[in-house]
Amino acid sequence: MGDPRYRLVIFDFDGTLADSGDWFLSTVDHLAERFRFRRVFPEEVEALRGKTTREVIRQLGIPRWKLPAMARYLHALLAQQTDRIAVFDGIVPMLGDLRHGGVRLALVTSNAEHNVRAILGPTVDSFDWLECGASLFGKARCYRRVLRRSGMPRGDVLSIGDETRDIVAARKVGIACGSVLWGYAHPTALLAMRPDLAFETPAQIATLVLGETAAAHSA
């Protein structure tokens, strides 16, 4: 194996590493009642997955000023139920392969650090840097902090997430963006934004980042 194609990979958490989508969907009606936005009907879920984060917020009528309080409440709720969330199959060996190949790892998420640590368990030690509690549209700021702390040139860095806002944040700071196709956003919505890379399985991430022939979709 030669030098890795990227020396630092910045991962999203929910929907990328953690299989938390069903849990979040189960809370929507409760959140709608508590924070007074319109409920999501079951037949709408698939269509909403095809929209950007901003479009979903507008369609549900959620005022932007309510988002921080909603996030705090949601993360406190999750803290009581972290045993219901597991990482996706293949994530742990993929992270191990990256570490073994000399790749540095960071995690940037809007979720709370105590939730991340509870769900990842010992796997959290795979990460050199954790940036938790990012605002919904504040990931670019967290990416910049990771870049400063790591000292890595932007050309050596790849971010990986499962939502359109992850692509937008990566482009704001000038780093490559990869999308996983098993998370929240519909693959069509992600691919329409032409991420630099897209992955159907966790194993494809390790294969590509470590510089071997990859079965990942290149946009």
N, C-alpha and C. Protein backbone atom coordinates (compact mmCIF):
# COMPACT_ATOMS: atom_id res chain seq x y z
N MET A 1 0.85 -1.21 0.00
CA MET A 1 0.00 0.00 0.00
C MET A 1 0.87 1.24 0.00
N GLY A 2 0.57 2.22 -0.90
CA GLY A 2 1.34 3.44 -0.94
C GLY A 2 0.82 4.48 0.02
N ASP A 3 1.21 5.73 -0.23
CA ASP A 3 0.72 6.81 0.61
C ASP A 3 -0.79 6.98 0.42
N PRO A 4 -1.51 7.33 1.50
CA PRO A 4 -2.96 7.53 1.36
C PRO A 4 -3.25 8.71 0.45
N ARG A 5 -4.38 8.65 -0.22
CA ARG A 5 -4.81 9.73 -1.10
C ARG A 5 -5.14 10.98 -0.30
N TYR A 6 -5.69 10.79 0.91
CA TYR A 6 -5.98 11.89 1.83
C TYR A 6 -5.31 11.58 3.16
N ARG A 7 -4.78 12.60 3.80
CA ARG A 7 -4.09 12.41 5.06
C ARG A 7 -4.98 12.68 6.27
N LEU A 8 -6.11 13.35 6.04
CA LEU A 8 -7.07 13.63 7.10
C LEU A 8 -8.47 13.45 6.54
N VAL A 9 -9.29 12.69 7.25
CA VAL A 9 -10.69 12.54 6.88
C VAL A 9 -11.55 13.07 8.03
N ILE A 10 -12.46 13.98 7.71
CA ILE A 10 -13.38 14.55 8.69
C ILE A 10 -14.76 13.92 8.48
N PHE A 11 -15.23 13.21 9.47
CA PHE A 11 -16.51 12.51 9.37
C PHE A 11 -17.63 13.29 10.06
N ASP A 12 -18.80 13.23 9.46
CA ASP A 12 -20.05 13.55 10.13
C ASP A 12 -20.39 12.35 11.04
N PHE A 13 -21.37 12.52 11.90
CA PHE A 13 -21.72 11.44 12.83
C PHE A 13 -23.08 10.81 12.50
N ASP A 14 -24.17 11.53 12.76
CA ASP A 14 -25.51 10.96 12.56
C ASP A 14 -25.79 10.71 11.09
N GLY A 15 -26.15 9.49 10.76
CA GLY A 15 -26.45 9.13 9.39
C GLY A 15 -25.24 8.74 8.58
N THR A 16 -24.05 9.05 9.09
CA THR A 16 -22.81 8.68 8.42
C THR A 16 -22.13 7.53 9.15
N LEU A 17 -21.89 7.72 10.43
CA LEU A 17 -21.33 6.65 11.26
C LEU A 17 -22.42 5.96 12.08
N ALA A 18 -23.33 6.74 12.63
CA ALA A 18 -24.37 6.22 13.53
C ALA A 18 -25.70 6.07 12.81
N ASP A 19 -26.33 4.93 13.01
CA ASP A 19 -27.61 4.62 12.37
C ASP A 19 -28.75 5.20 13.22
N SER A 20 -28.86 6.52 13.20
CA SER A 20 -29.79 7.22 14.09
C SER A 20 -31.01 7.77 13.36
N GLY A 21 -31.13 7.52 12.06
CA GLY A 21 -32.22 8.11 11.28
C GLY A 21 -33.60 7.74 11.78
N ASP A 22 -33.82 6.45 12.06
CA ASP A 22 -35.14 6.02 12.52
C ASP A 22 -35.48 6.64 13.88
N TRP A 23 -34.46 6.77 14.74
CA TRP A 23 -34.71 7.38 16.05
C TRP A 23 -35.15 8.84 15.87
N PHE A 24 -34.43 9.58 15.03
CA PHE A 24 -34.80 10.98 14.82
C PHE A 24 -36.20 11.10 14.23
N LEU A 25 -36.54 10.24 13.29
CA LEU A 25 -37.89 10.27 12.72
C LEU A 25 -38.95 10.01 13.78
N SER A 26 -38.61 9.14 14.73
CA SER A 26 -39.58 8.81 15.79
C SER A 26 -39.87 9.98 16.71
N THR A 27 -39.02 11.01 16.69
CA THR A 27 -39.19 12.16 17.58
C THR A 27 -39.90 13.33 16.90
N VAL A 28 -40.14 13.26 15.59
CA VAL A 28 -40.61 14.43 14.85
C VAL A 28 -41.95 14.93 15.35
N ASP A 29 -42.90 14.04 15.58
CA ASP A 29 -44.22 14.49 16.04
C ASP A 29 -44.12 15.17 17.39
N HIS A 30 -43.31 14.61 18.28
CA HIS A 30 -43.12 15.21 19.60
C HIS A 30 -42.49 16.60 19.47
N LEU A 31 -41.48 16.72 18.61
CA LEU A 31 -40.83 18.02 18.41
C LEU A 31 -41.80 19.02 17.80
N ALA A 32 -42.61 18.54 16.85
CA ALA A 32 -43.57 19.44 16.20
C ALA A 32 -44.55 20.02 17.22
N GLU A 33 -44.99 19.19 18.15
CA GLU A 33 -45.93 19.66 19.16
C GLU A 33 -45.24 20.63 20.13
N ARG A 34 -44.03 20.29 20.53
CA ARG A 34 -43.34 21.11 21.53
C ARG A 34 -42.89 22.45 20.96
N PHE A 35 -42.40 22.43 19.71
CA PHE A 35 -41.84 23.66 19.13
C PHE A 35 -42.76 24.29 18.08
N ARG A 36 -43.96 23.76 17.97
CA ARG A 36 -45.02 24.37 17.17
C ARG A 36 -44.65 24.56 15.70
N PHE A 37 -44.28 23.46 15.06
CA PHE A 37 -44.19 23.46 13.61
C PHE A 37 -45.05 22.31 13.10
N ARG A 38 -45.31 22.27 11.83
CA ARG A 38 -46.28 21.30 11.34
C ARG A 38 -45.71 19.88 11.36
N ARG A 39 -46.58 18.93 11.58
CA ARG A 39 -46.18 17.53 11.67
C ARG A 39 -45.81 16.99 10.29
N VAL A 40 -45.00 15.94 10.31
CA VAL A 40 -44.60 15.27 9.08
C VAL A 40 -45.43 14.00 8.94
N PHE A 41 -46.14 13.89 7.83
CA PHE A 41 -46.93 12.69 7.59
C PHE A 41 -46.05 11.59 7.00
N PRO A 42 -46.34 10.33 7.32
CA PRO A 42 -45.49 9.23 6.85
C PRO A 42 -45.23 9.25 5.35
N GLU A 43 -46.24 9.64 4.58
CA GLU A 43 -46.08 9.62 3.13
C GLU A 43 -45.16 10.75 2.63
N GLU A 44 -44.79 11.68 3.51
CA GLU A 44 -43.92 12.79 3.13
C GLU A 44 -42.44 12.48 3.33
N VAL A 45 -42.15 11.47 4.13
CA VAL A 45 -40.76 11.26 4.56
C VAL A 45 -39.82 11.09 3.39
N GLU A 46 -40.19 10.25 2.42
CA GLU A 46 -39.29 9.99 1.30
C GLU A 46 -39.05 11.26 0.48
N ALA A 47 -40.09 12.05 0.27
CA ALA A 47 -39.93 13.29 -0.48
C ALA A 47 -39.03 14.28 0.25
N LEU A 48 -39.14 14.35 1.57
CA LEU A 48 -38.29 15.25 2.35
C LEU A 48 -36.82 14.85 2.28
N ARG A 49 -36.56 13.56 2.16
CA ARG A 49 -35.17 13.10 2.03
C ARG A 49 -34.52 13.62 0.75
N GLY A 50 -35.35 13.99 -0.22
CA GLY A 50 -34.81 14.50 -1.47
C GLY A 50 -34.61 16.01 -1.49
N LYS A 51 -34.87 16.67 -0.37
CA LYS A 51 -34.71 18.12 -0.30
C LYS A 51 -33.48 18.50 0.51
N THR A 52 -32.99 19.70 0.32
CA THR A 52 -31.89 20.19 1.13
C THR A 52 -32.39 20.49 2.54
N THR A 53 -31.46 20.64 3.46
CA THR A 53 -31.82 20.95 4.84
C THR A 53 -32.62 22.25 4.93
N ARG A 54 -32.19 23.26 4.22
CA ARG A 54 -32.91 24.54 4.24
C ARG A 54 -34.32 24.39 3.69
N GLU A 55 -34.49 23.60 2.63
CA GLU A 55 -35.82 23.38 2.07
C GLU A 55 -36.74 22.67 3.04
N VAL A 56 -36.21 21.69 3.78
CA VAL A 56 -37.02 20.97 4.76
C VAL A 56 -37.49 21.92 5.86
N ILE A 57 -36.58 22.76 6.34
CA ILE A 57 -36.92 23.70 7.40
C ILE A 57 -38.02 24.66 6.94
N ARG A 58 -37.89 25.14 5.71
CA ARG A 58 -38.92 26.05 5.18
C ARG A 58 -40.25 25.32 5.02
N GLN A 59 -40.21 24.10 4.50
CA GLN A 59 -41.46 23.38 4.23
C GLN A 59 -42.21 23.06 5.52
N LEU A 60 -41.48 22.80 6.59
CA LEU A 60 -42.12 22.47 7.86
C LEU A 60 -42.49 23.72 8.66
N GLY A 61 -42.05 24.87 8.19
CA GLY A 61 -42.40 26.12 8.87
C GLY A 61 -41.68 26.29 10.19
N ILE A 62 -40.42 25.89 10.25
CA ILE A 62 -39.64 26.02 11.48
C ILE A 62 -38.86 27.33 11.44
N PRO A 63 -39.12 28.27 12.33
CA PRO A 63 -38.34 29.51 12.36
C PRO A 63 -36.87 29.22 12.70
N ARG A 64 -35.96 29.89 12.00
CA ARG A 64 -34.53 29.63 12.23
C ARG A 64 -34.14 29.88 13.68
N TRP A 65 -34.80 30.84 14.35
CA TRP A 65 -34.39 31.18 15.72
C TRP A 65 -34.70 30.05 16.69
N LYS A 66 -35.58 29.12 16.31
CA LYS A 66 -35.91 28.00 17.20
C LYS A 66 -34.91 26.85 17.10
N LEU A 67 -34.08 26.85 16.06
CA LEU A 67 -33.22 25.69 15.81
C LEU A 67 -32.24 25.38 16.96
N PRO A 68 -31.57 26.37 17.56
CA PRO A 68 -30.65 26.03 18.65
C PRO A 68 -31.35 25.36 19.83
N ALA A 69 -32.52 25.88 20.21
CA ALA A 69 -33.25 25.27 21.33
C ALA A 69 -33.74 23.88 20.97
N MET A 70 -34.16 23.68 19.75
CA MET A 70 -34.57 22.35 19.30
C MET A 70 -33.42 21.36 19.36
N ALA A 71 -32.24 21.80 18.93
CA ALA A 71 -31.08 20.93 18.94
C ALA A 71 -30.71 20.53 20.37
N ARG A 72 -30.71 21.50 21.28
CA ARG A 72 -30.37 21.18 22.68
C ARG A 72 -31.37 20.19 23.26
N TYR A 73 -32.64 20.41 22.99
CA TYR A 73 -33.67 19.52 23.52
C TYR A 73 -33.53 18.12 22.94
N LEU A 74 -33.30 18.05 21.64
CA LEU A 74 -33.18 16.75 20.97
C LEU A 74 -31.99 15.96 21.47
N HIS A 75 -30.88 16.65 21.69
CA HIS A 75 -29.68 15.95 22.16
C HIS A 75 -29.84 15.49 23.61
N ALA A 76 -30.57 16.26 24.41
CA ALA A 76 -30.86 15.83 25.77
C ALA A 76 -31.77 14.61 25.76
N LEU A 77 -32.72 14.58 24.84
CA LEU A 77 -33.60 13.43 24.70
C LEU A 77 -32.82 12.20 24.27
N LEU A 78 -31.92 12.38 23.32
CA LEU A 78 -31.10 11.26 22.86
C LEU A 78 -30.21 10.72 23.96
N ALA A 79 -29.73 11.60 24.83
CA ALA A 79 -28.84 11.15 25.92
C ALA A 79 -29.49 10.09 26.79
N GLN A 80 -30.82 10.09 26.85
CA GLN A 80 -31.54 9.10 27.64
C GLN A 80 -31.77 7.79 26.88
N GLN A 81 -31.45 7.80 25.58
CA GLN A 81 -31.78 6.65 24.74
C GLN A 81 -30.64 6.23 23.81
N THR A 82 -29.42 6.52 24.19
CA THR A 82 -28.30 6.19 23.31
C THR A 82 -28.17 4.69 23.08
N ASP A 83 -28.75 3.89 23.97
CA ASP A 83 -28.67 2.44 23.78
C ASP A 83 -29.48 1.99 22.56
N ARG A 84 -30.31 2.86 22.02
CA ARG A 84 -31.11 2.52 20.85
C ARG A 84 -30.37 2.77 19.54
N ILE A 85 -29.18 3.39 19.62
CA ILE A 85 -28.44 3.77 18.43
C ILE A 85 -27.16 2.93 18.34
N ALA A 86 -26.90 2.42 17.16
CA ALA A 86 -25.66 1.67 16.90
C ALA A 86 -24.96 2.28 15.69
N VAL A 87 -23.69 1.98 15.55
CA VAL A 87 -22.99 2.41 14.33
C VAL A 87 -23.37 1.45 13.20
N PHE A 88 -23.29 1.94 11.98
CA PHE A 88 -23.58 1.11 10.82
C PHE A 88 -22.58 -0.04 10.72
N ASP A 89 -23.03 -1.15 10.17
CA ASP A 89 -22.13 -2.26 9.92
C ASP A 89 -20.97 -1.80 9.03
N GLY A 90 -19.78 -2.22 9.38
CA GLY A 90 -18.60 -1.90 8.59
C GLY A 90 -17.87 -0.64 8.98
N ILE A 91 -18.47 0.17 9.86
CA ILE A 91 -17.84 1.44 10.25
C ILE A 91 -16.59 1.21 11.09
N VAL A 92 -16.69 0.35 12.09
CA VAL A 92 -15.55 0.15 12.99
C VAL A 92 -14.33 -0.39 12.24
N PRO A 93 -14.45 -1.46 11.42
CA PRO A 93 -13.26 -1.91 10.69
C PRO A 93 -12.74 -0.87 9.70
N MET A 94 -13.64 -0.10 9.09
CA MET A 94 -13.19 0.94 8.16
C MET A 94 -12.34 1.97 8.87
N LEU A 95 -12.78 2.43 10.04
CA LEU A 95 -11.99 3.40 10.80
C LEU A 95 -10.65 2.81 11.19
N GLY A 96 -10.65 1.54 11.58
CA GLY A 96 -9.40 0.87 11.93
C GLY A 96 -8.45 0.78 10.76
N ASP A 97 -8.98 0.50 9.57
CA ASP A 97 -8.14 0.43 8.38
C ASP A 97 -7.52 1.79 8.07
N LEU A 98 -8.30 2.86 8.21
CA LEU A 98 -7.77 4.19 7.96
C LEU A 98 -6.64 4.52 8.93
N ARG A 99 -6.87 4.25 10.21
CA ARG A 99 -5.84 4.52 11.20
C ARG A 99 -4.58 3.71 10.91
N HIS A 100 -4.76 2.46 10.60
CA HIS A 100 -3.61 1.58 10.30
C HIS A 100 -2.84 2.10 9.09
N GLY A 101 -3.56 2.73 8.16
CA GLY A 101 -2.92 3.26 6.96
C GLY A 101 -2.30 4.63 7.15
N GLY A 102 -2.33 5.15 8.37
CA GLY A 102 -1.69 6.43 8.65
C GLY A 102 -2.55 7.65 8.43
N VAL A 103 -3.86 7.48 8.30
CA VAL A 103 -4.77 8.60 8.09
C VAL A 103 -5.22 9.16 9.44
N ARG A 104 -5.20 10.48 9.58
CA ARG A 104 -5.72 11.12 10.79
C ARG A 104 -7.23 11.27 10.62
N LEU A 105 -7.95 11.21 11.74
CA LEU A 105 -9.41 11.24 11.70
C LEU A 105 -9.95 12.34 12.61
N ALA A 106 -10.99 13.00 12.14
CA ALA A 106 -11.70 14.00 12.95
C ALA A 106 -13.20 13.76 12.82
N LEU A 107 -13.94 14.24 13.80
CA LEU A 107 -15.40 14.11 13.81
C LEU A 107 -15.99 15.49 14.02
N VAL A 108 -16.87 15.91 13.12
CA VAL A 108 -17.58 17.18 13.24
C VAL A 108 -19.07 16.88 13.21
N THR A 109 -19.77 17.26 14.26
CA THR A 109 -21.18 16.92 14.37
C THR A 109 -21.94 17.97 15.16
N SER A 110 -23.23 18.08 14.87
CA SER A 110 -24.09 18.94 15.68
C SER A 110 -24.53 18.23 16.96
N ASN A 111 -24.32 16.93 17.03
CA ASN A 111 -24.71 16.18 18.22
C ASN A 111 -23.80 16.52 19.40
N ALA A 112 -24.25 16.18 20.60
CA ALA A 112 -23.49 16.48 21.81
C ALA A 112 -22.37 15.45 22.01
N GLU A 113 -21.26 15.89 22.57
CA GLU A 113 -20.11 15.00 22.73
C GLU A 113 -20.44 13.80 23.61
N HIS A 114 -21.25 13.99 24.66
CA HIS A 114 -21.55 12.85 25.53
C HIS A 114 -22.36 11.79 24.78
N ASN A 115 -23.20 12.21 23.83
CA ASN A 115 -23.93 11.24 23.03
C ASN A 115 -22.99 10.49 22.09
N VAL A 116 -22.09 11.23 21.47
CA VAL A 116 -21.12 10.62 20.56
C VAL A 116 -20.29 9.57 21.29
N ARG A 117 -19.80 9.92 22.47
CA ARG A 117 -18.96 8.99 23.23
C ARG A 117 -19.76 7.77 23.68
N ALA A 118 -21.01 7.98 24.07
CA ALA A 118 -21.83 6.85 24.51
C ALA A 118 -22.11 5.87 23.37
N ILE A 119 -22.36 6.40 22.18
CA ILE A 119 -22.70 5.55 21.05
C ILE A 119 -21.47 4.88 20.45
N LEU A 120 -20.37 5.61 20.34
CA LEU A 120 -19.16 5.03 19.76
C LEU A 120 -18.43 4.11 20.72
N GLY A 121 -18.52 4.36 22.01
CA GLY A 121 -17.76 3.54 22.96
C GLY A 121 -16.27 3.69 22.71
N PRO A 122 -15.51 2.60 22.81
CA PRO A 122 -14.05 2.67 22.62
C PRO A 122 -13.64 3.16 21.24
N THR A 123 -14.53 3.04 20.26
CA THR A 123 -14.20 3.48 18.90
C THR A 123 -13.92 4.97 18.83
N VAL A 124 -14.39 5.73 19.81
CA VAL A 124 -14.15 7.18 19.80
C VAL A 124 -12.66 7.48 19.84
N ASP A 125 -11.86 6.54 20.36
CA ASP A 125 -10.42 6.76 20.43
C ASP A 125 -9.75 6.73 19.06
N SER A 126 -10.50 6.34 18.02
CA SER A 126 -9.96 6.39 16.66
C SER A 126 -9.76 7.82 16.17
N PHE A 127 -10.45 8.78 16.82
CA PHE A 127 -10.45 10.15 16.33
C PHE A 127 -9.42 11.01 17.04
N ASP A 128 -8.69 11.76 16.25
CA ASP A 128 -7.70 12.70 16.80
C ASP A 128 -8.37 13.97 17.31
N TRP A 129 -9.47 14.36 16.65
CA TRP A 129 -10.14 15.60 17.02
C TRP A 129 -11.64 15.40 16.99
N LEU A 130 -12.32 15.92 18.01
CA LEU A 130 -13.78 15.93 18.07
C LEU A 130 -14.25 17.37 18.10
N GLU A 131 -15.16 17.70 17.20
CA GLU A 131 -15.82 19.01 17.21
C GLU A 131 -17.32 18.73 17.29
N CYS A 132 -17.87 18.82 18.49
CA CYS A 132 -19.28 18.48 18.70
C CYS A 132 -20.09 19.74 19.01
N GLY A 133 -21.41 19.63 18.83
CA GLY A 133 -22.28 20.74 19.13
C GLY A 133 -22.29 21.83 18.08
N ALA A 134 -21.89 21.48 16.83
CA ALA A 134 -21.92 22.46 15.75
C ALA A 134 -23.37 22.90 15.50
N SER A 135 -23.55 24.15 15.15
CA SER A 135 -24.90 24.59 14.78
C SER A 135 -25.28 23.95 13.45
N LEU A 136 -26.56 23.97 13.14
CA LEU A 136 -27.06 23.26 11.98
C LEU A 136 -26.33 23.67 10.70
N PHE A 137 -26.02 24.96 10.58
CA PHE A 137 -25.32 25.44 9.39
C PHE A 137 -23.94 25.98 9.75
N GLY A 138 -23.36 25.47 10.84
CA GLY A 138 -22.07 25.97 11.31
C GLY A 138 -20.91 25.01 11.15
N LYS A 139 -21.07 24.02 10.28
CA LYS A 139 -19.99 23.03 10.16
C LYS A 139 -18.73 23.61 9.54
N ALA A 140 -18.89 24.58 8.64
CA ALA A 140 -17.70 25.15 8.01
C ALA A 140 -16.76 25.73 9.06
N ARG A 141 -17.32 26.38 10.07
CA ARG A 141 -16.50 26.94 11.14
C ARG A 141 -15.74 25.84 11.87
N CYS A 142 -16.41 24.71 12.10
CA CYS A 142 -15.76 23.57 12.78
C CYS A 142 -14.68 22.95 11.90
N TYR A 143 -14.94 22.87 10.60
CA TYR A 143 -13.92 22.35 9.69
C TYR A 143 -12.66 23.21 9.76
N ARG A 144 -12.86 24.53 9.81
CA ARG A 144 -11.69 25.42 9.87
C ARG A 144 -10.90 25.20 11.15
N ARG A 145 -11.60 24.95 12.26
CA ARG A 145 -10.89 24.69 13.51
C ARG A 145 -10.06 23.41 13.41
N VAL A 146 -10.65 22.38 12.82
CA VAL A 146 -9.91 21.12 12.65
C VAL A 146 -8.69 21.34 11.77
N LEU A 147 -8.85 22.11 10.70
CA LEU A 147 -7.72 22.38 9.81
C LEU A 147 -6.60 23.11 10.54
N ARG A 148 -6.96 24.09 11.37
CA ARG A 148 -5.94 24.82 12.13
C ARG A 148 -5.23 23.89 13.10
N ARG A 149 -5.99 23.06 13.79
CA ARG A 149 -5.40 22.18 14.80
C ARG A 149 -4.53 21.10 14.18
N SER A 150 -4.94 20.64 13.01
CA SER A 150 -4.20 19.54 12.37
C SER A 150 -3.00 20.04 11.59
N GLY A 151 -3.07 21.27 11.09
CA GLY A 151 -1.99 21.79 10.25
C GLY A 151 -1.96 21.17 8.87
N MET A 152 -3.01 20.48 8.48
CA MET A 152 -3.04 19.80 7.18
C MET A 152 -3.37 20.78 6.06
N PRO A 153 -2.69 20.67 4.91
CA PRO A 153 -3.10 21.45 3.74
C PRO A 153 -4.49 21.01 3.28
N ARG A 154 -5.26 21.95 2.77
CA ARG A 154 -6.63 21.62 2.36
C ARG A 154 -6.69 20.51 1.31
N GLY A 155 -5.69 20.43 0.46
CA GLY A 155 -5.68 19.40 -0.57
C GLY A 155 -5.52 18.00 -0.04
N ASP A 156 -5.14 17.86 1.23
CA ASP A 156 -4.94 16.55 1.85
C ASP A 156 -6.14 16.11 2.68
N VAL A 157 -7.23 16.90 2.63
CA VAL A 157 -8.35 16.68 3.55
C VAL A 157 -9.61 16.32 2.78
N LEU A 158 -10.32 15.32 3.30
CA LEU A 158 -11.61 14.90 2.75
C LEU A 158 -12.64 14.92 3.86
N SER A 159 -13.79 15.54 3.60
CA SER A 159 -14.89 15.47 4.55
C SER A 159 -15.92 14.47 4.02
N ILE A 160 -16.57 13.76 4.93
CA ILE A 160 -17.55 12.75 4.54
C ILE A 160 -18.81 12.92 5.38
N GLY A 161 -19.97 13.07 4.71
CA GLY A 161 -21.23 13.22 5.42
C GLY A 161 -22.37 12.60 4.64
N ASP A 162 -23.59 12.77 5.17
CA ASP A 162 -24.75 12.15 4.54
C ASP A 162 -25.83 13.16 4.16
N GLU A 163 -25.52 14.47 4.28
CA GLU A 163 -26.52 15.49 3.97
C GLU A 163 -25.95 16.53 3.02
N THR A 164 -26.85 17.24 2.36
CA THR A 164 -26.41 18.28 1.42
C THR A 164 -25.64 19.38 2.14
N ARG A 165 -25.99 19.67 3.38
CA ARG A 165 -25.29 20.75 4.09
C ARG A 165 -23.83 20.39 4.37
N ASP A 166 -23.50 19.09 4.42
CA ASP A 166 -22.11 18.68 4.59
C ASP A 166 -21.29 19.05 3.35
N ILE A 167 -21.90 18.89 2.17
CA ILE A 167 -21.22 19.26 0.93
C ILE A 167 -21.00 20.76 0.88
N VAL A 168 -22.03 21.52 1.23
CA VAL A 168 -21.94 22.98 1.21
C VAL A 168 -20.84 23.46 2.15
N ALA A 169 -20.76 22.89 3.36
CA ALA A 169 -19.76 23.32 4.33
C ALA A 169 -18.35 23.02 3.85
N ALA A 170 -18.15 21.85 3.25
CA ALA A 170 -16.82 21.49 2.75
C ALA A 170 -16.37 22.45 1.66
N ARG A 171 -17.29 22.81 0.78
CA ARG A 171 -16.93 23.72 -0.31
C ARG A 171 -16.63 25.13 0.20
N LYS A 172 -17.25 25.52 1.28
CA LYS A 172 -16.97 26.84 1.85
C LYS A 172 -15.52 26.95 2.30
N VAL A 173 -14.96 25.84 2.78
CA VAL A 173 -13.58 25.91 3.29
C VAL A 173 -12.57 25.35 2.30
N GLY A 174 -13.02 24.88 1.14
CA GLY A 174 -12.10 24.46 0.10
C GLY A 174 -11.48 23.10 0.28
N ILE A 175 -12.25 22.16 0.89
CA ILE A 175 -11.75 20.79 1.01
C ILE A 175 -12.65 19.86 0.20
N ALA A 176 -12.12 18.69 -0.13
CA ALA A 176 -12.89 17.72 -0.90
C ALA A 176 -14.05 17.20 -0.07
N CYS A 177 -15.15 16.88 -0.76
CA CYS A 177 -16.33 16.39 -0.05
C CYS A 177 -16.74 15.03 -0.60
N GLY A 178 -17.04 14.11 0.32
CA GLY A 178 -17.55 12.81 -0.04
C GLY A 178 -18.91 12.61 0.61
N SER A 179 -19.79 11.88 -0.06
CA SER A 179 -21.13 11.61 0.48
C SER A 179 -21.35 10.12 0.60
N VAL A 180 -21.91 9.71 1.74
CA VAL A 180 -22.33 8.32 1.90
C VAL A 180 -23.78 8.21 1.45
N LEU A 181 -24.10 7.11 0.83
CA LEU A 181 -25.43 6.94 0.24
C LEU A 181 -26.36 6.11 1.11
N TRP A 182 -25.97 5.90 2.38
CA TRP A 182 -26.81 5.10 3.29
C TRP A 182 -27.43 5.94 4.41
N GLY A 183 -27.28 7.26 4.35
CA GLY A 183 -27.74 8.10 5.45
C GLY A 183 -29.10 8.71 5.23
N TYR A 184 -29.30 9.92 5.77
CA TYR A 184 -30.62 10.57 5.74
C TYR A 184 -31.01 11.00 4.34
N ALA A 185 -30.17 11.80 3.69
CA ALA A 185 -30.55 12.39 2.41
C ALA A 185 -30.66 11.32 1.32
N HIS A 186 -31.60 11.51 0.43
CA HIS A 186 -31.76 10.57 -0.68
C HIS A 186 -30.54 10.66 -1.59
N PRO A 187 -30.03 9.52 -2.07
CA PRO A 187 -28.85 9.55 -2.95
C PRO A 187 -28.99 10.50 -4.13
N THR A 188 -30.20 10.59 -4.70
CA THR A 188 -30.40 11.49 -5.84
C THR A 188 -30.12 12.93 -5.46
N ALA A 189 -30.56 13.34 -4.27
CA ALA A 189 -30.32 14.72 -3.82
C ALA A 189 -28.83 14.98 -3.62
N LEU A 190 -28.13 14.02 -3.07
CA LEU A 190 -26.70 14.18 -2.85
C LEU A 190 -25.93 14.24 -4.18
N LEU A 191 -26.22 13.29 -5.06
CA LEU A 191 -25.49 13.22 -6.32
C LEU A 191 -25.78 14.42 -7.21
N ALA A 192 -26.96 15.02 -7.05
CA ALA A 192 -27.29 16.22 -7.82
C ALA A 192 -26.36 17.38 -7.48
N MET A 193 -25.78 17.35 -6.28
CA MET A 193 -24.86 18.40 -5.86
C MET A 193 -23.42 18.10 -6.24
N ARG A 194 -23.21 16.98 -6.91
CA ARG A 194 -21.92 16.59 -7.45
C ARG A 194 -20.80 16.61 -6.41
N PRO A 195 -20.93 15.79 -5.36
CA PRO A 195 -19.81 15.66 -4.42
C PRO A 195 -18.60 15.09 -5.15
N ASP A 196 -17.43 15.33 -4.61
CA ASP A 196 -16.21 14.81 -5.25
C ASP A 196 -16.22 13.28 -5.29
N LEU A 197 -16.79 12.69 -4.25
CA LEU A 197 -16.85 11.23 -4.16
C LEU A 197 -18.16 10.83 -3.51
N ALA A 198 -18.64 9.62 -3.83
CA ALA A 198 -19.80 9.07 -3.16
C ALA A 198 -19.55 7.60 -2.90
N PHE A 199 -20.06 7.12 -1.77
CA PHE A 199 -19.74 5.77 -1.31
C PHE A 199 -21.01 4.99 -1.01
N GLU A 200 -21.06 3.76 -1.47
CA GLU A 200 -22.20 2.89 -1.19
C GLU A 200 -21.97 2.04 0.05
N THR A 201 -20.72 1.81 0.45
CA THR A 201 -20.40 1.00 1.63
C THR A 201 -19.24 1.64 2.39
N PRO A 202 -19.13 1.38 3.70
CA PRO A 202 -17.98 1.88 4.44
C PRO A 202 -16.65 1.37 3.90
N ALA A 203 -16.63 0.13 3.42
CA ALA A 203 -15.37 -0.43 2.91
C ALA A 203 -14.83 0.38 1.75
N GLN A 204 -15.72 0.97 0.95
CA GLN A 204 -15.26 1.78 -0.18
C GLN A 204 -14.50 3.01 0.28
N ILE A 205 -14.85 3.53 1.45
CA ILE A 205 -14.13 4.70 1.97
C ILE A 205 -12.67 4.36 2.21
N ALA A 206 -12.42 3.27 2.93
CA ALA A 206 -11.05 2.88 3.22
C ALA A 206 -10.28 2.57 1.95
N THR A 207 -10.93 1.89 1.02
CA THR A 207 -10.26 1.51 -0.23
C THR A 207 -9.80 2.73 -1.00
N LEU A 208 -10.66 3.74 -1.10
CA LEU A 208 -10.29 4.91 -1.87
C LEU A 208 -9.28 5.79 -1.13
N VAL A 209 -9.53 6.05 0.13
CA VAL A 209 -8.66 6.98 0.88
C VAL A 209 -7.24 6.43 0.97
N LEU A 210 -7.13 5.12 1.07
CA LEU A 210 -5.81 4.52 1.19
C LEU A 210 -5.10 4.36 -0.15
N GLY A 211 -5.75 4.82 -1.22
CA GLY A 211 -5.07 4.92 -2.49
C GLY A 211 -5.18 3.71 -3.37
N GLU A 212 -6.05 2.76 -3.02
CA GLU A 212 -6.20 1.58 -3.85
C GLU A 212 -7.35 1.79 -4.82
N THR A 213 -7.54 0.87 -5.76
CA THR A 213 -8.66 0.93 -6.69
C THR A 213 -9.95 0.88 -5.89
N ALA A 214 -10.83 1.87 -6.10
CA ALA A 214 -12.04 1.98 -5.29
C ALA A 214 -13.27 1.76 -6.13
N ALA A 215 -14.28 1.16 -5.47
CA ALA A 215 -15.57 0.97 -6.13
C ALA A 215 -16.52 2.06 -5.69
N ALA A 216 -16.00 3.27 -5.51
CA ALA A 216 -16.83 4.40 -5.13
C ALA A 216 -17.28 5.13 -6.39
N HIS A 217 -18.42 5.81 -6.28
CA HIS A 217 -18.94 6.61 -7.39
C HIS A 217 -18.19 7.93 -7.41
N SER A 218 -17.59 8.26 -8.48
CA SER A 218 -16.97 9.57 -8.63
C SER A 218 -17.93 10.46 -9.40
N ALA A 219 -18.25 11.61 -8.81
CA ALA A 219 -19.26 12.48 -9.42
C ALA A 219 -18.65 13.25 -10.58
